PDB file of N, CA and C in Angstrom:
ATOM      1  N   UNK A   1      21.051  -1.476  15.157  1.00  0.00           N
ATOM      2  CA  UNK A   1      20.657  -1.545  13.752  1.00  0.00           C
ATOM      3  C   UNK A   1      19.894  -2.843  13.491  1.00  0.00           C
ATOM      4  N   UNK A   2      18.833  -2.718  12.743  1.00  0.00           N
ATOM      5  CA  UNK A   2      18.004  -3.871  12.434  1.00  0.00           C
ATOM      6  C   UNK A   2      18.606  -4.653  11.268  1.00  0.00           C
ATOM      7  N   UNK A   3      18.582  -5.967  11.397  1.00  0.00           N
ATOM      8  CA  UNK A   3      19.175  -6.750  10.314  1.00  0.00           C
ATOM      9  C   UNK A   3      18.142  -7.059   9.233  1.00  0.00           C
ATOM     10  N   UNK A   4      18.661  -7.172   8.022  1.00  0.00           N
ATOM     11  CA  UNK A   4      17.826  -7.509   6.873  1.00  0.00           C
ATOM     12  C   UNK A   4      17.756  -9.020   6.749  1.00  0.00           C
ATOM     13  N   UNK A   5      16.559  -9.561   6.918  1.00  0.00           N
ATOM     14  CA  UNK A   5      16.396 -11.008   6.778  1.00  0.00           C
ATOM     15  C   UNK A   5      15.906 -11.321   5.374  1.00  0.00           C
ATOM     16  N   UNK A   6      16.012 -12.578   4.989  1.00  0.00           N
ATOM     17  CA  UNK A   6      15.510 -12.968   3.665  1.00  0.00           C
ATOM     18  C   UNK A   6      13.994 -12.776   3.606  1.00  0.00           C
ATOM     19  N   UNK A   7      13.323 -12.920   4.752  1.00  0.00           N
ATOM     20  CA  UNK A   7      11.873 -12.716   4.781  1.00  0.00           C
ATOM     21  C   UNK A   7      11.540 -11.256   4.484  1.00  0.00           C
ATOM     22  N   UNK A   8      12.223 -10.334   5.148  1.00  0.00           N
ATOM     23  CA  UNK A   8      11.982  -8.906   4.921  1.00  0.00           C
ATOM     24  C   UNK A   8      12.316  -8.524   3.484  1.00  0.00           C
ATOM     25  N   UNK A   9      13.440  -9.026   3.010  1.00  0.00           N
ATOM     26  CA  UNK A   9      13.882  -8.706   1.650  1.00  0.00           C
ATOM     27  C   UNK A   9      12.882  -9.220   0.614  1.00  0.00           C
ATOM     28  N   UNK A  10      12.388 -10.430   0.804  1.00  0.00           N
ATOM     29  CA  UNK A  10      11.428 -11.019  -0.138  1.00  0.00           C
ATOM     30  C   UNK A  10      10.125 -10.236  -0.136  1.00  0.00           C
ATOM     31  N   UNK A  11       9.648  -9.846   1.038  1.00  0.00           N
ATOM     32  CA  UNK A  11       8.389  -9.102   1.139  1.00  0.00           C
ATOM     33  C   UNK A  11       8.520  -7.732   0.490  1.00  0.00           C
ATOM     34  N   UNK A  12       9.588  -7.001   0.783  1.00  0.00           N
ATOM     35  CA  UNK A  12       9.730  -5.656   0.215  1.00  0.00           C
ATOM     36  C   UNK A  12       9.936  -5.717  -1.297  1.00  0.00           C
ATOM     37  N   UNK A  13      10.685  -6.699  -1.773  1.00  0.00           N
ATOM     38  CA  UNK A  13      10.866  -6.859  -3.226  1.00  0.00           C
ATOM     39  C   UNK A  13       9.531  -7.146  -3.906  1.00  0.00           C
ATOM     40  N   UNK A  14       8.728  -8.007  -3.281  1.00  0.00           N
ATOM     41  CA  UNK A  14       7.412  -8.322  -3.855  1.00  0.00           C
ATOM     42  C   UNK A  14       6.547  -7.057  -3.927  1.00  0.00           C
ATOM     43  N   UNK A  15       6.471  -6.310  -2.823  1.00  0.00           N
ATOM     44  CA  UNK A  15       5.621  -5.116  -2.797  1.00  0.00           C
ATOM     45  C   UNK A  15       6.078  -4.066  -3.804  1.00  0.00           C
ATOM     46  N   UNK A  16       7.370  -3.945  -4.012  1.00  0.00           N
ATOM     47  CA  UNK A  16       7.879  -2.968  -4.971  1.00  0.00           C
ATOM     48  C   UNK A  16       7.690  -3.433  -6.416  1.00  0.00           C
ATOM     49  N   UNK A  17       7.419  -4.722  -6.614  1.00  0.00           N
ATOM     50  CA  UNK A  17       7.293  -5.256  -7.970  1.00  0.00           C
ATOM     51  C   UNK A  17       5.848  -5.306  -8.474  1.00  0.00           C
ATOM     52  N   UNK A  18       4.869  -5.061  -7.592  1.00  0.00           N
ATOM     53  CA  UNK A  18       3.463  -5.153  -8.001  1.00  0.00           C
ATOM     54  C   UNK A  18       2.769  -3.805  -7.850  1.00  0.00           C
ATOM     55  N   UNK A  19       1.737  -3.603  -8.638  1.00  0.00           N
ATOM     56  CA  UNK A  19       0.926  -2.386  -8.554  1.00  0.00           C
ATOM     57  C   UNK A  19      -0.475  -2.699  -8.042  1.00  0.00           C
ATOM     58  N   UNK A  20      -0.686  -3.921  -7.576  1.00  0.00           N
ATOM     59  CA  UNK A  20      -2.024  -4.382  -7.216  1.00  0.00           C
ATOM     60  C   UNK A  20      -2.478  -3.998  -5.815  1.00  0.00           C
ATOM     61  N   UNK A  21      -1.605  -3.430  -4.994  1.00  0.00           N
ATOM     62  CA  UNK A  21      -1.959  -3.058  -3.624  1.00  0.00           C
ATOM     63  C   UNK A  21      -2.514  -4.277  -2.876  1.00  0.00           C
ATOM     64  N   UNK A  22      -1.691  -5.303  -2.674  1.00  0.00           N
ATOM     65  CA  UNK A  22      -2.171  -6.564  -2.095  1.00  0.00           C
ATOM     66  C   UNK A  22      -2.504  -6.462  -0.602  1.00  0.00           C
ATOM     67  N   UNK A  23      -3.359  -7.386  -0.166  1.00  0.00           N
ATOM     68  CA  UNK A  23      -3.647  -7.529   1.258  1.00  0.00           C
ATOM     69  C   UNK A  23      -2.485  -8.292   1.894  1.00  0.00           C
ATOM     70  N   UNK A  24      -2.455  -8.343   3.217  1.00  0.00           N
ATOM     71  CA  UNK A  24      -1.409  -9.114   3.906  1.00  0.00           C
ATOM     72  C   UNK A  24      -1.486 -10.579   3.503  1.00  0.00           C
ATOM     73  N   UNK A  25      -2.687 -11.097   3.347  1.00  0.00           N
ATOM     74  CA  UNK A  25      -2.861 -12.493   2.952  1.00  0.00           C
ATOM     75  C   UNK A  25      -2.312 -12.743   1.550  1.00  0.00           C
ATOM     76  N   UNK A  26      -2.518 -11.787   0.645  1.00  0.00           N
ATOM     77  CA  UNK A  26      -1.993 -11.920  -0.711  1.00  0.00           C
ATOM     78  C   UNK A  26      -0.464 -11.852  -0.711  1.00  0.00           C
ATOM     79  N   UNK A  27       0.092 -10.984   0.128  1.00  0.00           N
ATOM     80  CA  UNK A  27       1.551 -10.913   0.269  1.00  0.00           C
ATOM     81  C   UNK A  27       2.057 -12.261   0.777  1.00  0.00           C
ATOM     82  N   UNK A  28       1.395 -12.783   1.794  1.00  0.00           N
ATOM     83  CA  UNK A  28       1.766 -14.070   2.384  1.00  0.00           C
ATOM     84  C   UNK A  28       1.771 -15.184   1.327  1.00  0.00           C
ATOM     85  N   UNK A  29       0.703 -15.287   0.548  1.00  0.00           N
ATOM     86  CA  UNK A  29       0.620 -16.340  -0.473  1.00  0.00           C
ATOM     87  C   UNK A  29       1.710 -16.192  -1.531  1.00  0.00           C
ATOM     88  N   UNK A  30       2.034 -14.945  -1.887  1.00  0.00           N
ATOM     89  CA  UNK A  30       3.067 -14.706  -2.904  1.00  0.00           C
ATOM     90  C   UNK A  30       4.453 -15.072  -2.379  1.00  0.00           C
ATOM     91  N   UNK A  31       4.782 -14.634  -1.164  1.00  0.00           N
ATOM     92  CA  UNK A  31       6.138 -14.889  -0.658  1.00  0.00           C
ATOM     93  C   UNK A  31       6.298 -16.326  -0.169  1.00  0.00           C
ATOM     94  N   UNK A  32       5.195 -16.984   0.132  1.00  0.00           N
ATOM     95  CA  UNK A  32       5.253 -18.381   0.588  1.00  0.00           C
ATOM     96  C   UNK A  32       5.808 -19.295  -0.515  1.00  0.00           C
ATOM     97  N   UNK A  33       5.652 -18.882  -1.763  1.00  0.00           N
ATOM     98  CA  UNK A  33       6.215 -19.675  -2.866  1.00  0.00           C
ATOM     99  C   UNK A  33       7.737 -19.720  -2.785  1.00  0.00           C
ATOM    100  N   UNK A  34       8.345 -18.617  -2.362  1.00  0.00           N
ATOM    101  CA  UNK A  34       9.806 -18.557  -2.227  1.00  0.00           C
ATOM    102  C   UNK A  34      10.263 -18.997  -0.848  1.00  0.00           C
ATOM    103  N   UNK A  35       9.433 -18.717   0.156  1.00  0.00           N
ATOM    104  CA  UNK A  35       9.785 -19.016   1.548  1.00  0.00           C
ATOM    105  C   UNK A  35       8.667 -19.867   2.169  1.00  0.00           C
ATOM    106  N   UNK A  36       8.656 -21.170   1.876  1.00  0.00           N
ATOM    107  CA  UNK A  36       7.530 -22.017   2.302  1.00  0.00           C
ATOM    108  C   UNK A  36       7.306 -22.082   3.814  1.00  0.00           C
ATOM    109  N   UNK A  37       8.315 -21.745   4.602  1.00  0.00           N
ATOM    110  CA  UNK A  37       8.182 -21.856   6.057  1.00  0.00           C
ATOM    111  C   UNK A  37       7.699 -20.558   6.727  1.00  0.00           C
ATOM    112  N   UNK A  38       7.493 -19.510   5.943  1.00  0.00           N
ATOM    113  CA  UNK A  38       7.065 -18.237   6.525  1.00  0.00           C
ATOM    114  C   UNK A  38       5.620 -18.355   7.013  1.00  0.00           C
ATOM    115  N   UNK A  39       5.315 -17.672   8.111  1.00  0.00           N
ATOM    116  CA  UNK A  39       3.948 -17.712   8.646  1.00  0.00           C
ATOM    117  C   UNK A  39       3.226 -16.404   8.336  1.00  0.00           C
ATOM    118  N   UNK A  40       1.902 -16.464   8.375  1.00  0.00           N
ATOM    119  CA  UNK A  40       1.090 -15.274   8.148  1.00  0.00           C
ATOM    120  C   UNK A  40       1.377 -14.230   9.231  1.00  0.00           C
ATOM    121  N   UNK A  41       1.566 -14.674  10.463  1.00  0.00           N
ATOM    122  CA  UNK A  41       1.893 -13.757  11.560  1.00  0.00           C
ATOM    123  C   UNK A  41       3.180 -13.002  11.313  1.00  0.00           C
ATOM    124  N   UNK A  42       4.178 -13.691  10.769  1.00  0.00           N
ATOM    125  CA  UNK A  42       5.459 -13.050  10.450  1.00  0.00           C
ATOM    126  C   UNK A  42       5.254 -11.996   9.370  1.00  0.00           C
ATOM    127  N   UNK A  43       4.448 -12.304   8.360  1.00  0.00           N
ATOM    128  CA  UNK A  43       4.173 -11.342   7.290  1.00  0.00           C
ATOM    129  C   UNK A  43       3.512 -10.098   7.881  1.00  0.00           C
ATOM    130  N   UNK A  44       2.524 -10.279   8.758  1.00  0.00           N
ATOM    131  CA  UNK A  44       1.867  -9.134   9.397  1.00  0.00           C
ATOM    132  C   UNK A  44       2.862  -8.304  10.207  1.00  0.00           C
ATOM    133  N   UNK A  45       3.732  -8.939  10.969  1.00  0.00           N
ATOM    134  CA  UNK A  45       4.720  -8.221  11.780  1.00  0.00           C
ATOM    135  C   UNK A  45       5.677  -7.417  10.897  1.00  0.00           C
ATOM    136  N   UNK A  46       6.155  -8.041   9.823  1.00  0.00           N
ATOM    137  CA  UNK A  46       7.088  -7.362   8.922  1.00  0.00           C
ATOM    138  C   UNK A  46       6.396  -6.185   8.222  1.00  0.00           C
ATOM    139  N   UNK A  47       5.163  -6.383   7.754  1.00  0.00           N
ATOM    140  CA  UNK A  47       4.428  -5.296   7.104  1.00  0.00           C
ATOM    141  C   UNK A  47       4.213  -4.132   8.071  1.00  0.00           C
ATOM    142  N   UNK A  48       3.869  -4.439   9.309  1.00  0.00           N
ATOM    143  CA  UNK A  48       3.662  -3.398  10.310  1.00  0.00           C
ATOM    144  C   UNK A  48       4.969  -2.633  10.571  1.00  0.00           C
ATOM    145  N   UNK A  49       6.062  -3.369  10.643  1.00  0.00           N
ATOM    146  CA  UNK A  49       7.374  -2.757  10.849  1.00  0.00           C
ATOM    147  C   UNK A  49       7.731  -1.846   9.672  1.00  0.00           C
ATOM    148  N   UNK A  50       7.523  -2.327   8.452  1.00  0.00           N
ATOM    149  CA  UNK A  50       7.784  -1.515   7.258  1.00  0.00           C
ATOM    150  C   UNK A  50       6.906  -0.261   7.258  1.00  0.00           C
ATOM    151  N   UNK A  51       5.637  -0.419   7.646  1.00  0.00           N
ATOM    152  CA  UNK A  51       4.710   0.721   7.693  1.00  0.00           C
ATOM    153  C   UNK A  51       5.206   1.761   8.695  1.00  0.00           C
ATOM    154  N   UNK A  52       5.599   1.328   9.878  1.00  0.00           N
ATOM    155  CA  UNK A  52       6.078   2.249  10.918  1.00  0.00           C
ATOM    156  C   UNK A  52       7.332   3.004  10.476  1.00  0.00           C
ATOM    157  N   UNK A  53       8.176   2.351   9.664  1.00  0.00           N
ATOM    158  CA  UNK A  53       9.407   2.989   9.197  1.00  0.00           C
ATOM    159  C   UNK A  53       9.201   3.771   7.899  1.00  0.00           C
ATOM    160  N   UNK A  54       7.980   3.748   7.358  1.00  0.00           N
ATOM    161  CA  UNK A  54       7.689   4.485   6.136  1.00  0.00           C
ATOM    162  C   UNK A  54       8.192   3.806   4.875  1.00  0.00           C
ATOM    163  N   UNK A  55       8.474   2.503   4.948  1.00  0.00           N
ATOM    164  CA  UNK A  55       8.970   1.774   3.774  1.00  0.00           C
ATOM    165  C   UNK A  55       7.839   1.242   2.906  1.00  0.00           C
ATOM    166  N   UNK A  56       6.632   1.142   3.461  1.00  0.00           N
ATOM    167  CA  UNK A  56       5.438   0.787   2.694  1.00  0.00           C
ATOM    168  C   UNK A  56       4.290   1.649   3.188  1.00  0.00           C
ATOM    169  N   UNK A  57       3.278   1.805   2.341  1.00  0.00           N
ATOM    170  CA  UNK A  57       2.059   2.504   2.733  1.00  0.00           C
ATOM    171  C   UNK A  57       1.004   1.460   3.067  1.00  0.00           C
ATOM    172  N   UNK A  58       0.197   1.745   4.079  1.00  0.00           N
ATOM    173  CA  UNK A  58      -0.946   0.893   4.385  1.00  0.00           C
ATOM    174  C   UNK A  58      -2.194   1.663   3.998  1.00  0.00           C
ATOM    175  N   UNK A  59      -2.977   1.084   3.110  1.00  0.00           N
ATOM    176  CA  UNK A  59      -4.226   1.693   2.673  1.00  0.00           C
ATOM    177  C   UNK A  59      -5.332   1.083   3.523  1.00  0.00           C
ATOM    178  N   UNK A  60      -5.860   1.874   4.422  1.00  0.00           N
ATOM    179  CA  UNK A  60      -6.849   1.354   5.354  1.00  0.00           C
ATOM    180  C   UNK A  60      -8.217   1.317   4.712  1.00  0.00           C
ATOM    181  N   UNK A  61      -8.941   0.254   4.992  1.00  0.00           N
ATOM    182  CA  UNK A  61     -10.278   0.069   4.458  1.00  0.00           C
ATOM    183  C   UNK A  61     -10.903  -1.132   5.115  1.00  0.00           C
ATOM    184  N   UNK A  62     -11.909  -1.670   4.467  1.00  0.00           N
ATOM    185  CA  UNK A  62     -12.553  -2.881   4.970  1.00  0.00           C
ATOM    186  C   UNK A  62     -11.507  -3.976   5.164  1.00  0.00           C
ATOM    187  N   UNK A  63     -10.628  -4.090   4.181  1.00  0.00           N
ATOM    188  CA  UNK A  63      -9.455  -4.958   4.267  1.00  0.00           C
ATOM    189  C   UNK A  63      -8.254  -4.074   3.937  1.00  0.00           C
ATOM    190  N   UNK A  64      -7.298  -3.998   4.833  1.00  0.00           N
ATOM    191  CA  UNK A  64      -6.126  -3.154   4.596  1.00  0.00           C
ATOM    192  C   UNK A  64      -5.271  -3.723   3.476  1.00  0.00           C
ATOM    193  N   UNK A  65      -4.710  -2.818   2.692  1.00  0.00           N
ATOM    194  CA  UNK A  65      -3.858  -3.192   1.570  1.00  0.00           C
ATOM    195  C   UNK A  65      -2.532  -2.467   1.712  1.00  0.00           C
ATOM    196  N   UNK A  66      -1.525  -2.946   0.994  1.00  0.00           N
ATOM    197  CA  UNK A  66      -0.174  -2.406   1.139  1.00  0.00           C
ATOM    198  C   UNK A  66       0.371  -1.967  -0.207  1.00  0.00           C
ATOM    199  N   UNK A  67       1.187  -0.921  -0.153  1.00  0.00           N
ATOM    200  CA  UNK A  67       1.741  -0.320  -1.355  1.00  0.00           C
ATOM    201  C   UNK A  67       3.240  -0.117  -1.144  1.00  0.00           C
ATOM    202  N   UNK A  68       4.043  -0.700  -2.010  1.00  0.00           N
ATOM    203  CA  UNK A  68       5.489  -0.562  -1.921  1.00  0.00           C
ATOM    204  C   UNK A  68       6.004   0.728  -2.543  1.00  0.00           C
ATOM    205  N   UNK A  69       5.116   1.472  -3.191  1.00  0.00           N
ATOM    206  CA  UNK A  69       5.479   2.752  -3.803  1.00  0.00           C
ATOM    207  C   UNK A  69       5.169   3.842  -2.788  1.00  0.00           C
ATOM    208  N   UNK A  70       6.198   4.404  -2.173  1.00  0.00           N
ATOM    209  CA  UNK A  70       5.986   5.316  -1.051  1.00  0.00           C
ATOM    210  C   UNK A  70       6.157   6.798  -1.382  1.00  0.00           C
ATOM    211  N   UNK A  71       6.497   7.119  -2.626  1.00  0.00           N
ATOM    212  CA  UNK A  71       6.564   8.535  -2.984  1.00  0.00           C
ATOM    213  C   UNK A  71       5.146   9.109  -2.878  1.00  0.00           C
ATOM    214  N   UNK A  72       5.022  10.411  -2.565  1.00  0.00           N
ATOM    215  CA  UNK A  72       3.686  10.992  -2.400  1.00  0.00           C
ATOM    216  C   UNK A  72       2.812  10.782  -3.641  1.00  0.00           C
ATOM    217  N   UNK A  73       1.679  10.149  -3.427  1.00  0.00           N
ATOM    218  CA  UNK A  73       0.686   9.948  -4.479  1.00  0.00           C
ATOM    219  C   UNK A  73      -0.640   9.617  -3.808  1.00  0.00           C
ATOM    220  N   UNK A  74      -1.700   9.614  -4.599  1.00  0.00           N
ATOM    221  CA  UNK A  74      -3.035   9.338  -4.087  1.00  0.00           C
ATOM    222  C   UNK A  74      -3.581   8.093  -4.770  1.00  0.00           C
ATOM    223  N   UNK A  75      -4.797   7.706  -4.404  1.00  0.00           N
ATOM    224  CA  UNK A  75      -5.350   6.459  -4.925  1.00  0.00           C
ATOM    225  C   UNK A  75      -6.790   6.631  -5.397  1.00  0.00           C
ATOM    226  N   UNK A  76      -7.120   5.897  -6.454  1.00  0.00           N
ATOM    227  CA  UNK A  76      -8.486   5.793  -6.963  1.00  0.00           C
ATOM    228  C   UNK A  76      -8.939   4.369  -6.696  1.00  0.00           C
ATOM    229  N   UNK A  77     -10.093   4.215  -6.057  1.00  0.00           N
ATOM    230  CA  UNK A  77     -10.620   2.889  -5.733  1.00  0.00           C
ATOM    231  C   UNK A  77     -11.921   2.696  -6.487  1.00  0.00           C
ATOM    232  N   UNK A  78     -11.971   1.665  -7.321  1.00  0.00           N
ATOM    233  CA  UNK A  78     -13.181   1.362  -8.072  1.00  0.00           C
ATOM    234  C   UNK A  78     -14.209   0.754  -7.115  1.00  0.00           C
ATOM    235  N   UNK A  79     -15.385   1.341  -7.101  1.00  0.00           N
ATOM    236  CA  UNK A  79     -16.441   0.875  -6.200  1.00  0.00           C
ATOM    237  C   UNK A  79     -17.078  -0.428  -6.659  1.00  0.00           C
ATOM    238  N   UNK A  80     -16.814  -0.824  -7.904  1.00  0.00           N
ATOM    239  CA  UNK A  80     -17.404  -2.063  -8.406  1.00  0.00           C
ATOM    240  C   UNK A  80     -16.429  -3.234  -8.271  1.00  0.00           C
ATOM    241  N   UNK A  81     -15.227  -3.112  -8.860  1.00  0.00           N
ATOM    242  CA  UNK A  81     -14.275  -4.236  -8.855  1.00  0.00           C
ATOM    243  C   UNK A  81     -13.279  -4.163  -7.693  1.00  0.00           C
ATOM    244  N   UNK A  82     -13.265  -3.041  -6.970  1.00  0.00           N
ATOM    245  CA  UNK A  82     -12.388  -2.816  -5.816  1.00  0.00           C
ATOM    246  C   UNK A  82     -10.905  -2.670  -6.176  1.00  0.00           C
ATOM    247  N   UNK A  83     -10.587  -2.578  -7.462  1.00  0.00           N
ATOM    248  CA  UNK A  83      -9.198  -2.397  -7.861  1.00  0.00           C
ATOM    249  C   UNK A  83      -8.741  -0.999  -7.438  1.00  0.00           C
ATOM    250  N   UNK A  84      -7.464  -0.901  -7.045  1.00  0.00           N
ATOM    251  CA  UNK A  84      -6.903   0.367  -6.598  1.00  0.00           C
ATOM    252  C   UNK A  84      -5.855   0.819  -7.616  1.00  0.00           C
ATOM    253  N   UNK A  85      -5.946   2.072  -8.007  1.00  0.00           N
ATOM    254  CA  UNK A  85      -5.027   2.655  -8.976  1.00  0.00           C
ATOM    255  C   UNK A  85      -4.253   3.791  -8.318  1.00  0.00           C
ATOM    256  N   UNK A  86      -2.968   3.904  -8.647  1.00  0.00           N
ATOM    257  CA  UNK A  86      -2.174   5.034  -8.189  1.00  0.00           C
ATOM    258  C   UNK A  86      -2.529   6.255  -9.031  1.00  0.00           C
ATOM    259  N   UNK A  87      -2.624   7.403  -8.395  1.00  0.00           N
ATOM    260  CA  UNK A  87      -2.837   8.667  -9.097  1.00  0.00           C
ATOM    261  C   UNK A  87      -1.564   9.480  -8.935  1.00  0.00           C
ATOM    262  N   UNK A  88      -0.882   9.688 -10.042  1.00  0.00           N
ATOM    263  CA  UNK A  88       0.393  10.401 -10.028  1.00  0.00           C
ATOM    264  C   UNK A  88       0.219  11.907 -10.188  1.00  0.00           C
ATOM    265  N   UNK A  89      -0.918  12.331 -10.747  1.00  0.00           N
ATOM    266  CA  UNK A  89      -1.118  13.756 -10.995  1.00  0.00           C
ATOM    267  C   UNK A  89      -1.017  14.525  -9.682  1.00  0.00           C
ATOM    268  N   UNK A  90      -0.380  15.667  -9.752  1.00  0.00           N
ATOM    269  CA  UNK A  90      -0.236  16.505  -8.562  1.00  0.00           C
ATOM    270  C   UNK A  90      -1.585  17.149  -8.243  1.00  0.00           C
ATOM    271  N   UNK A  91      -1.983  17.016  -7.008  1.00  0.00           N
ATOM    272  CA  UNK A  91      -3.215  17.629  -6.529  1.00  0.00           C
ATOM    273  C   UNK A  91      -2.789  18.666  -5.496  1.00  0.00           C
ATOM    274  N   UNK A  92      -2.935  19.923  -5.843  1.00  0.00           N
ATOM    275  CA  UNK A  92      -2.423  20.977  -4.979  1.00  0.00           C
ATOM    276  C   UNK A  92      -3.529  21.530  -4.093  1.00  0.00           C
ATOM    277  N   UNK A  93      -3.576  21.036  -2.862  1.00  0.00           N
ATOM    278  CA  UNK A  93      -4.580  21.499  -1.907  1.00  0.00           C
ATOM    279  C   UNK A  93      -3.992  22.500  -0.915  1.00  0.00           C
ATOM    280  N   UNK A  94      -2.712  22.783  -1.053  1.00  0.00           N
ATOM    281  CA  UNK A  94      -2.011  23.686  -0.151  1.00  0.00           C
ATOM    282  C   UNK A  94      -2.253  23.309   1.316  1.00  0.00           C
ATOM    283  N   UNK A  95      -1.879  22.072   1.695  1.00  0.00           N
ATOM    284  CA  UNK A  95      -2.124  21.633   3.071  1.00  0.00           C
ATOM    285  C   UNK A  95      -1.394  22.478   4.109  1.00  0.00           C
ATOM    286  N   UNK A  96      -0.345  23.189   3.672  1.00  0.00           N
ATOM    287  CA  UNK A  96       0.383  24.034   4.623  1.00  0.00           C
ATOM    288  C   UNK A  96      -0.465  25.216   5.096  1.00  0.00           C
ATOM    289  N   UNK A  97      -1.577  25.500   4.410  1.00  0.00           N
ATOM    290  CA  UNK A  97      -2.431  26.625   4.789  1.00  0.00           C
ATOM    291  C   UNK A  97      -3.553  26.199   5.742  1.00  0.00           C
ATOM    292  N   UNK A  98      -3.597  24.951   6.117  1.00  0.00           N
ATOM    293  CA  UNK A  98      -4.620  24.482   7.057  1.00  0.00           C
ATOM    294  C   UNK A  98      -4.329  25.119   8.419  1.00  0.00           C
ATOM    295  N   UNK A  99      -5.324  25.724   9.001  1.00  0.00           N
ATOM    296  CA  UNK A  99      -5.138  26.513  10.222  1.00  0.00           C
ATOM    297  C   UNK A  99      -5.062  25.663  11.497  1.00  0.00           C
ATOM    298  N   UNK A 100      -5.406  24.409  11.423  1.00  0.00           N
ATOM    299  CA  UNK A 100      -5.442  23.545  12.606  1.00  0.00           C
ATOM    300  C   UNK A 100      -4.040  23.249  13.121  1.00  0.00           C
ATOM    301  N   UNK A 101      -3.117  23.065  12.213  1.00  0.00           N
ATOM    302  CA  UNK A 101      -1.752  22.740  12.594  1.00  0.00           C
ATOM    303  C   UNK A 101      -0.908  22.468  11.367  1.00  0.00           C
ATOM    304  N   UNK A 102       0.303  21.970  11.579  1.00  0.00           N
ATOM    305  CA  UNK A 102       1.234  21.690  10.482  1.00  0.00           C
ATOM    306  C   UNK A 102       0.951  20.301   9.908  1.00  0.00           C
ATOM    307  N   UNK A 103       0.759  20.230   8.612  1.00  0.00           N
ATOM    308  CA  UNK A 103       0.518  18.961   7.930  1.00  0.00           C
ATOM    309  C   UNK A 103       1.863  18.401   7.478  1.00  0.00           C
ATOM    310  N   UNK A 104       2.176  17.179   7.885  1.00  0.00           N
ATOM    311  CA  UNK A 104       3.418  16.527   7.459  1.00  0.00           C
ATOM    312  C   UNK A 104       3.219  15.686   6.214  1.00  0.00           C
ATOM    313  N   UNK A 105       2.067  15.061   6.109  1.00  0.00           N
ATOM    314  CA  UNK A 105       1.740  14.260   4.925  1.00  0.00           C
ATOM    315  C   UNK A 105       0.233  14.055   4.901  1.00  0.00           C
ATOM    316  N   UNK A 106      -0.276  13.675   3.743  1.00  0.00           N
ATOM    317  CA  UNK A 106      -1.698  13.378   3.640  1.00  0.00           C
ATOM    318  C   UNK A 106      -1.931  12.344   2.564  1.00  0.00           C
ATOM    319  N   UNK A 107      -3.080  11.703   2.607  1.00  0.00           N
ATOM    320  CA  UNK A 107      -3.442  10.650   1.662  1.00  0.00           C
ATOM    321  C   UNK A 107      -4.879  10.904   1.235  1.00  0.00           C
ATOM    322  N   UNK A 108      -5.104  10.939  -0.065  1.00  0.00           N
ATOM    323  CA  UNK A 108      -6.446  11.177  -0.587  1.00  0.00           C
ATOM    324  C   UNK A 108      -6.892   9.935  -1.358  1.00  0.00           C
ATOM    325  N   UNK A 109      -8.138   9.527  -1.116  1.00  0.00           N
ATOM    326  CA  UNK A 109      -8.741   8.408  -1.845  1.00  0.00           C
ATOM    327  C   UNK A 109      -9.881   8.960  -2.696  1.00  0.00           C
ATOM    328  N   UNK A 110      -9.876   8.580  -3.966  1.00  0.00           N
ATOM    329  CA  UNK A 110     -10.972   8.912  -4.865  1.00  0.00           C
ATOM    330  C   UNK A 110     -11.755   7.627  -5.106  1.00  0.00           C
ATOM    331  N   UNK A 111     -13.066   7.720  -5.118  1.00  0.00           N
ATOM    332  CA  UNK A 111     -13.916   6.551  -5.325  1.00  0.00           C
ATOM    333  C   UNK A 111     -14.783   6.784  -6.551  1.00  0.00           C
ATOM    334  N   UNK A 112     -15.005   5.738  -7.331  1.00  0.00           N
ATOM    335  CA  UNK A 112     -15.839   5.842  -8.507  1.00  0.00           C
ATOM    336  C   UNK A 112     -15.765   4.544  -9.278  1.00  0.00           C
ATOM    337  N   UNK A 113     -16.007   4.611 -10.570  1.00  0.00           N
ATOM    338  CA  UNK A 113     -15.937   3.437 -11.432  1.00  0.00           C
ATOM    339  C   UNK A 113     -14.730   3.568 -12.340  1.00  0.00           C
ATOM    340  N   UNK A 114     -13.912   2.520 -12.399  1.00  0.00           N
ATOM    341  CA  UNK A 114     -12.768   2.530 -13.309  1.00  0.00           C
ATOM    342  C   UNK A 114     -13.259   2.446 -14.749  1.00  0.00           C
ATOM    343  N   UNK A 115     -12.377   2.692 -15.699  1.00  0.00           N
ATOM    344  CA  UNK A 115     -12.769   2.675 -17.122  1.00  0.00           C
ATOM    345  C   UNK A 115     -13.379   1.351 -17.516  1.00  0.00           C
ATOM    346  N   UNK A 116     -12.813   0.244 -17.012  1.00  0.00           N
ATOM    347  CA  UNK A 116     -13.308  -1.094 -17.338  1.00  0.00           C
ATOM    348  C   UNK A 116     -14.754  -1.266 -16.864  1.00  0.00           C
ATOM    349  N   UNK A 117     -14.995  -0.946 -15.599  1.00  0.00           N
ATOM    350  CA  UNK A 117     -16.322  -1.143 -15.017  1.00  0.00           C
ATOM    351  C   UNK A 117     -17.331  -0.137 -15.564  1.00  0.00           C
ATOM    352  N   UNK A 118     -16.888   1.066 -15.871  1.00  0.00           N
ATOM    353  CA  UNK A 118     -17.770   2.097 -16.420  1.00  0.00           C
ATOM    354  C   UNK A 118     -18.301   1.666 -17.790  1.00  0.00           C
ATOM    355  N   UNK A 119     -17.457   0.951 -18.558  1.00  0.00           N
ATOM    356  CA  UNK A 119     -17.836   0.526 -19.898  1.00  0.00           C
ATOM    357  C   UNK A 119     -18.724  -0.707 -19.934  1.00  0.00           C
ATOM    358  N   UNK A 120     -18.917  -1.348 -18.796  1.00  0.00           N
ATOM    359  CA  UNK A 120     -19.742  -2.579 -18.769  1.00  0.00           C
ATOM    360  C   UNK A 120     -21.218  -2.265 -18.699  1.00  0.00           C
TER     361      UNK A 120
END
């Protein structure tokens, strides 16, 4: 059994408390305030471990971002400000009907302009 360290606990609490989908560097800067001795390498290792166990989502892109909200949902990415929004609406694509094989999970990204950027 894996032990819960204060580093792991601080990182997961931070990710579950924000909706900003932070990068590993942003996670590092945030948790460093509480844990000044933590290293960026440790943050990357813990995030990777959480991702492998399904405790966080990794949003892959030019710079990978992390999401502490792991219930099935999709994301909208603003092409201007790069802000990422959770999309809670159910999108029914019937992935079980895909003929290639059995779908266990999927992630959809929508790209466009957020309301803020659209109004500028």
